[in-house]
N, C-alpha and C. Protein backbone atom coordinates (compact mmCIF):
# COMPACT_ATOMS: atom_id res chain seq x y z
N MET A 1 0.84 -1.17 0.00
CA MET A 1 0.00 0.00 0.00
C MET A 1 0.89 1.23 0.00
N LEU A 2 0.66 2.17 -0.91
CA LEU A 2 1.47 3.37 -0.99
C LEU A 2 0.82 4.49 -0.19
N LEU A 3 1.63 5.16 0.60
CA LEU A 3 1.15 6.28 1.41
C LEU A 3 2.02 7.49 1.14
N ILE A 4 1.45 8.67 1.27
CA ILE A 4 2.22 9.90 1.17
C ILE A 4 2.18 10.57 2.54
N ASN A 5 3.36 10.75 3.16
CA ASN A 5 3.37 11.36 4.48
C ASN A 5 3.52 12.87 4.36
N THR A 6 3.59 13.56 5.50
CA THR A 6 3.60 15.02 5.50
C THR A 6 4.89 15.61 4.96
N GLU A 7 6.00 14.83 4.88
CA GLU A 7 7.24 15.33 4.32
C GLU A 7 7.32 15.06 2.81
N PHE A 8 6.21 14.75 2.19
CA PHE A 8 6.12 14.48 0.77
C PHE A 8 7.03 13.33 0.36
N GLN A 9 6.99 12.26 1.12
CA GLN A 9 7.73 11.06 0.77
C GLN A 9 6.72 9.96 0.50
N ILE A 10 6.93 9.22 -0.57
CA ILE A 10 6.07 8.08 -0.85
C ILE A 10 6.68 6.88 -0.13
N GLU A 11 5.86 6.18 0.61
CA GLU A 11 6.34 5.05 1.37
C GLU A 11 5.53 3.81 1.00
N ASN A 12 6.16 2.68 1.02
CA ASN A 12 5.51 1.43 0.70
C ASN A 12 5.44 0.59 1.98
N ARG A 13 4.23 0.30 2.42
CA ARG A 13 4.06 -0.54 3.60
C ARG A 13 3.71 -1.95 3.12
N HIS A 14 4.61 -2.88 3.36
CA HIS A 14 4.41 -4.26 2.92
C HIS A 14 4.85 -5.18 4.05
N ASN A 15 3.93 -5.97 4.56
CA ASN A 15 4.19 -6.90 5.67
C ASN A 15 4.76 -6.19 6.89
N GLY A 16 4.26 -5.01 7.20
CA GLY A 16 4.68 -4.28 8.38
C GLY A 16 6.00 -3.56 8.22
N CYS A 17 6.68 -3.67 7.09
CA CYS A 17 7.95 -3.00 6.88
C CYS A 17 7.72 -1.67 6.17
N LEU A 18 8.57 -0.73 6.44
CA LEU A 18 8.48 0.60 5.85
C LEU A 18 9.64 0.80 4.90
N PHE A 19 9.32 0.98 3.63
CA PHE A 19 10.35 1.20 2.62
C PHE A 19 10.12 2.57 2.00
N GLU A 20 11.16 3.39 1.98
CA GLU A 20 11.06 4.69 1.33
C GLU A 20 11.37 4.50 -0.15
N ILE A 21 10.45 4.92 -1.03
CA ILE A 21 10.63 4.71 -2.46
C ILE A 21 11.16 5.97 -3.13
N TYR A 22 10.45 7.04 -3.01
CA TYR A 22 10.84 8.28 -3.69
C TYR A 22 10.63 9.46 -2.76
N ASN A 23 11.43 10.48 -2.93
CA ASN A 23 11.17 11.77 -2.30
C ASN A 23 10.53 12.65 -3.36
N LEU A 24 9.36 13.16 -3.06
CA LEU A 24 8.71 14.05 -4.02
C LEU A 24 9.25 15.46 -3.86
N GLN A 25 9.57 16.08 -4.94
CA GLN A 25 9.98 17.48 -4.91
C GLN A 25 8.95 18.26 -5.71
N LEU A 26 8.39 19.24 -5.07
CA LEU A 26 7.40 20.07 -5.75
C LEU A 26 8.13 21.09 -6.61
N GLU A 27 8.01 20.97 -7.94
CA GLU A 27 8.72 21.86 -8.84
C GLU A 27 8.10 23.24 -8.89
N MET A 28 6.79 23.28 -8.77
CA MET A 28 6.14 24.59 -8.84
C MET A 28 4.79 24.51 -8.14
N ASN A 29 4.36 25.60 -7.68
CA ASN A 29 3.03 25.65 -7.08
C ASN A 29 2.04 26.07 -8.15
N ILE A 30 0.80 26.18 -7.79
CA ILE A 30 -0.24 26.50 -8.76
C ILE A 30 -0.03 27.87 -9.37
N LYS A 31 0.40 28.84 -8.59
CA LYS A 31 0.64 30.18 -9.11
C LYS A 31 1.76 30.17 -10.15
N GLY A 32 2.81 29.44 -9.88
CA GLY A 32 3.91 29.32 -10.83
C GLY A 32 3.48 28.61 -12.11
N TYR A 33 2.61 27.62 -11.97
CA TYR A 33 2.10 26.91 -13.13
C TYR A 33 1.35 27.86 -14.06
N PHE A 34 0.42 28.65 -13.50
CA PHE A 34 -0.35 29.56 -14.32
C PHE A 34 0.53 30.69 -14.90
N ALA A 35 1.55 31.09 -14.18
CA ALA A 35 2.48 32.09 -14.72
C ALA A 35 3.22 31.52 -15.93
N ASP A 36 3.63 30.26 -15.86
CA ASP A 36 4.29 29.62 -17.00
C ASP A 36 3.34 29.45 -18.18
N VAL A 37 2.10 29.08 -17.90
CA VAL A 37 1.11 28.94 -18.97
C VAL A 37 0.89 30.28 -19.67
N TYR A 38 0.73 31.35 -18.89
CA TYR A 38 0.53 32.68 -19.46
C TYR A 38 1.74 33.09 -20.30
N ASN A 39 2.93 32.85 -19.78
CA ASN A 39 4.15 33.20 -20.50
C ASN A 39 4.23 32.45 -21.83
N GLU A 40 3.87 31.19 -21.83
CA GLU A 40 3.92 30.42 -23.07
C GLU A 40 2.89 30.91 -24.07
N LEU A 41 1.68 31.20 -23.60
CA LEU A 41 0.62 31.67 -24.51
C LEU A 41 0.95 33.04 -25.10
N VAL A 42 1.58 33.91 -24.33
CA VAL A 42 1.87 35.26 -24.80
C VAL A 42 3.15 35.32 -25.62
N ASN A 43 4.20 34.63 -25.20
CA ASN A 43 5.50 34.81 -25.83
C ASN A 43 5.94 33.70 -26.78
N LYS A 44 5.41 32.50 -26.63
CA LYS A 44 5.92 31.38 -27.42
C LYS A 44 4.96 30.89 -28.50
N VAL A 45 3.66 31.14 -28.35
CA VAL A 45 2.69 30.66 -29.32
C VAL A 45 2.65 31.63 -30.50
N SER A 46 2.63 31.06 -31.69
CA SER A 46 2.54 31.88 -32.90
C SER A 46 1.06 31.97 -33.30
N TRP A 47 0.44 33.09 -32.99
CA TRP A 47 -0.97 33.29 -33.28
C TRP A 47 -1.13 33.80 -34.71
N PRO A 48 -2.19 33.36 -35.42
CA PRO A 48 -2.39 33.84 -36.80
C PRO A 48 -2.87 35.29 -36.80
N SER A 49 -2.59 35.97 -37.90
CA SER A 49 -3.09 37.34 -38.03
C SER A 49 -4.58 37.29 -38.35
N TRP A 50 -5.22 38.46 -38.29
CA TRP A 50 -6.67 38.52 -38.52
C TRP A 50 -7.00 38.07 -39.94
N SER A 51 -6.21 38.46 -40.93
CA SER A 51 -6.49 38.06 -42.31
C SER A 51 -6.28 36.56 -42.52
N GLU A 52 -5.24 35.99 -41.87
CA GLU A 52 -5.03 34.54 -41.94
C GLU A 52 -6.19 33.79 -41.31
N LEU A 53 -6.68 34.31 -40.20
CA LEU A 53 -7.80 33.68 -39.51
C LEU A 53 -9.06 33.72 -40.36
N GLN A 54 -9.32 34.86 -41.03
CA GLN A 54 -10.50 34.98 -41.88
C GLN A 54 -10.40 34.04 -43.09
N SER A 55 -9.24 33.95 -43.69
CA SER A 55 -9.12 33.06 -44.85
C SER A 55 -9.24 31.59 -44.44
N SER A 56 -8.70 31.22 -43.30
CA SER A 56 -8.84 29.84 -42.82
C SER A 56 -10.30 29.51 -42.50
N ALA A 57 -11.01 30.47 -41.89
CA ALA A 57 -12.42 30.25 -41.57
C ALA A 57 -13.25 30.12 -42.83
N THR A 58 -12.93 30.90 -43.84
CA THR A 58 -13.65 30.81 -45.11
C THR A 58 -13.43 29.45 -45.76
N ILE A 59 -12.20 28.98 -45.76
CA ILE A 59 -11.89 27.67 -46.34
C ILE A 59 -12.64 26.57 -45.61
N VAL A 60 -12.70 26.64 -44.29
CA VAL A 60 -13.40 25.63 -43.50
C VAL A 60 -14.90 25.65 -43.81
N MET A 61 -15.49 26.86 -43.92
CA MET A 61 -16.92 26.95 -44.22
C MET A 61 -17.23 26.40 -45.61
N ILE A 62 -16.41 26.73 -46.59
CA ILE A 62 -16.64 26.22 -47.95
C ILE A 62 -16.50 24.70 -47.99
N ALA A 63 -15.48 24.17 -47.34
CA ALA A 63 -15.28 22.72 -47.31
C ALA A 63 -16.45 22.03 -46.61
N SER A 64 -16.98 22.64 -45.54
CA SER A 64 -18.12 22.05 -44.83
C SER A 64 -19.35 22.00 -45.71
N VAL A 65 -19.60 23.06 -46.48
CA VAL A 65 -20.76 23.08 -47.38
C VAL A 65 -20.59 22.04 -48.48
N ILE A 66 -19.40 21.91 -49.04
CA ILE A 66 -19.17 20.92 -50.10
C ILE A 66 -19.37 19.50 -49.57
N ILE A 67 -18.85 19.23 -48.39
CA ILE A 67 -19.02 17.89 -47.80
C ILE A 67 -20.49 17.63 -47.49
N ALA A 68 -21.20 18.63 -46.97
CA ALA A 68 -22.63 18.46 -46.67
C ALA A 68 -23.42 18.19 -47.95
N LEU A 69 -23.10 18.90 -49.03
CA LEU A 69 -23.79 18.65 -50.30
C LEU A 69 -23.48 17.25 -50.83
N GLY A 70 -22.25 16.81 -50.68
CA GLY A 70 -21.89 15.45 -51.10
C GLY A 70 -22.67 14.40 -50.34
N ILE A 71 -22.79 14.58 -49.05
CA ILE A 71 -23.55 13.62 -48.24
C ILE A 71 -25.03 13.66 -48.61
N PHE A 72 -25.56 14.86 -48.88
CA PHE A 72 -26.96 14.99 -49.29
C PHE A 72 -27.21 14.24 -50.60
N VAL A 73 -26.32 14.40 -51.58
CA VAL A 73 -26.48 13.73 -52.86
C VAL A 73 -26.42 12.22 -52.69
N MET A 74 -25.46 11.72 -51.91
CA MET A 74 -25.36 10.28 -51.68
C MET A 74 -26.61 9.75 -50.99
N ASP A 75 -27.14 10.47 -50.02
CA ASP A 75 -28.35 10.05 -49.33
C ASP A 75 -29.55 10.03 -50.28
N PHE A 76 -29.66 11.08 -51.09
CA PHE A 76 -30.77 11.18 -52.04
C PHE A 76 -30.74 10.02 -53.03
N VAL A 77 -29.56 9.74 -53.61
CA VAL A 77 -29.42 8.64 -54.57
C VAL A 77 -29.69 7.31 -53.90
N PHE A 78 -29.12 7.08 -52.73
CA PHE A 78 -29.31 5.81 -52.03
C PHE A 78 -30.78 5.58 -51.69
N ARG A 79 -31.46 6.64 -51.25
CA ARG A 79 -32.88 6.51 -50.91
C ARG A 79 -33.68 6.11 -52.14
N HIS A 80 -33.42 6.74 -53.29
CA HIS A 80 -34.18 6.41 -54.50
C HIS A 80 -33.84 5.02 -55.04
N VAL A 81 -32.57 4.64 -54.94
CA VAL A 81 -32.19 3.29 -55.38
C VAL A 81 -32.86 2.25 -54.50
N MET A 82 -32.87 2.44 -53.19
CA MET A 82 -33.49 1.47 -52.29
C MET A 82 -35.00 1.44 -52.47
N THR A 83 -35.61 2.59 -52.74
CA THR A 83 -37.05 2.62 -53.00
C THR A 83 -37.37 1.82 -54.27
N PHE A 84 -36.54 1.96 -55.28
CA PHE A 84 -36.73 1.19 -56.52
C PHE A 84 -36.57 -0.31 -56.26
N VAL A 85 -35.53 -0.69 -55.50
CA VAL A 85 -35.29 -2.11 -55.22
C VAL A 85 -36.44 -2.68 -54.41
N TYR A 86 -36.93 -1.99 -53.40
CA TYR A 86 -38.02 -2.49 -52.57
C TYR A 86 -39.31 -2.57 -53.38
N SER A 87 -39.52 -1.64 -54.31
CA SER A 87 -40.76 -1.65 -55.09
C SER A 87 -40.79 -2.87 -56.03
N MET A 88 -39.63 -3.43 -56.38
CA MET A 88 -39.60 -4.61 -57.23
C MET A 88 -40.10 -5.85 -56.50
N PHE A 89 -39.99 -5.89 -55.17
CA PHE A 89 -40.38 -7.06 -54.40
C PHE A 89 -41.76 -6.94 -53.76
N TYR A 90 -42.34 -5.74 -53.69
CA TYR A 90 -43.63 -5.57 -53.02
C TYR A 90 -44.64 -5.03 -53.95
């Protein structure tokens, strides 16, 4: 059974014996974590410009409409083919 004591040490209790496995070292606290996240988002991420964002959004919208039309056509054809096949048997 693994336990974490107040000195941040992981201990393994097996058959009444106490074995120290690892010493945990806290690299950063929550405030430091969010400071690093903010620093990465502001200084290291390459954000697209407004014109790049607009052109990418336009491409995505056009591709979505084309794919939706393709699915509509396939559904329409399949429905009519199946209606024809079923009408031959009934």
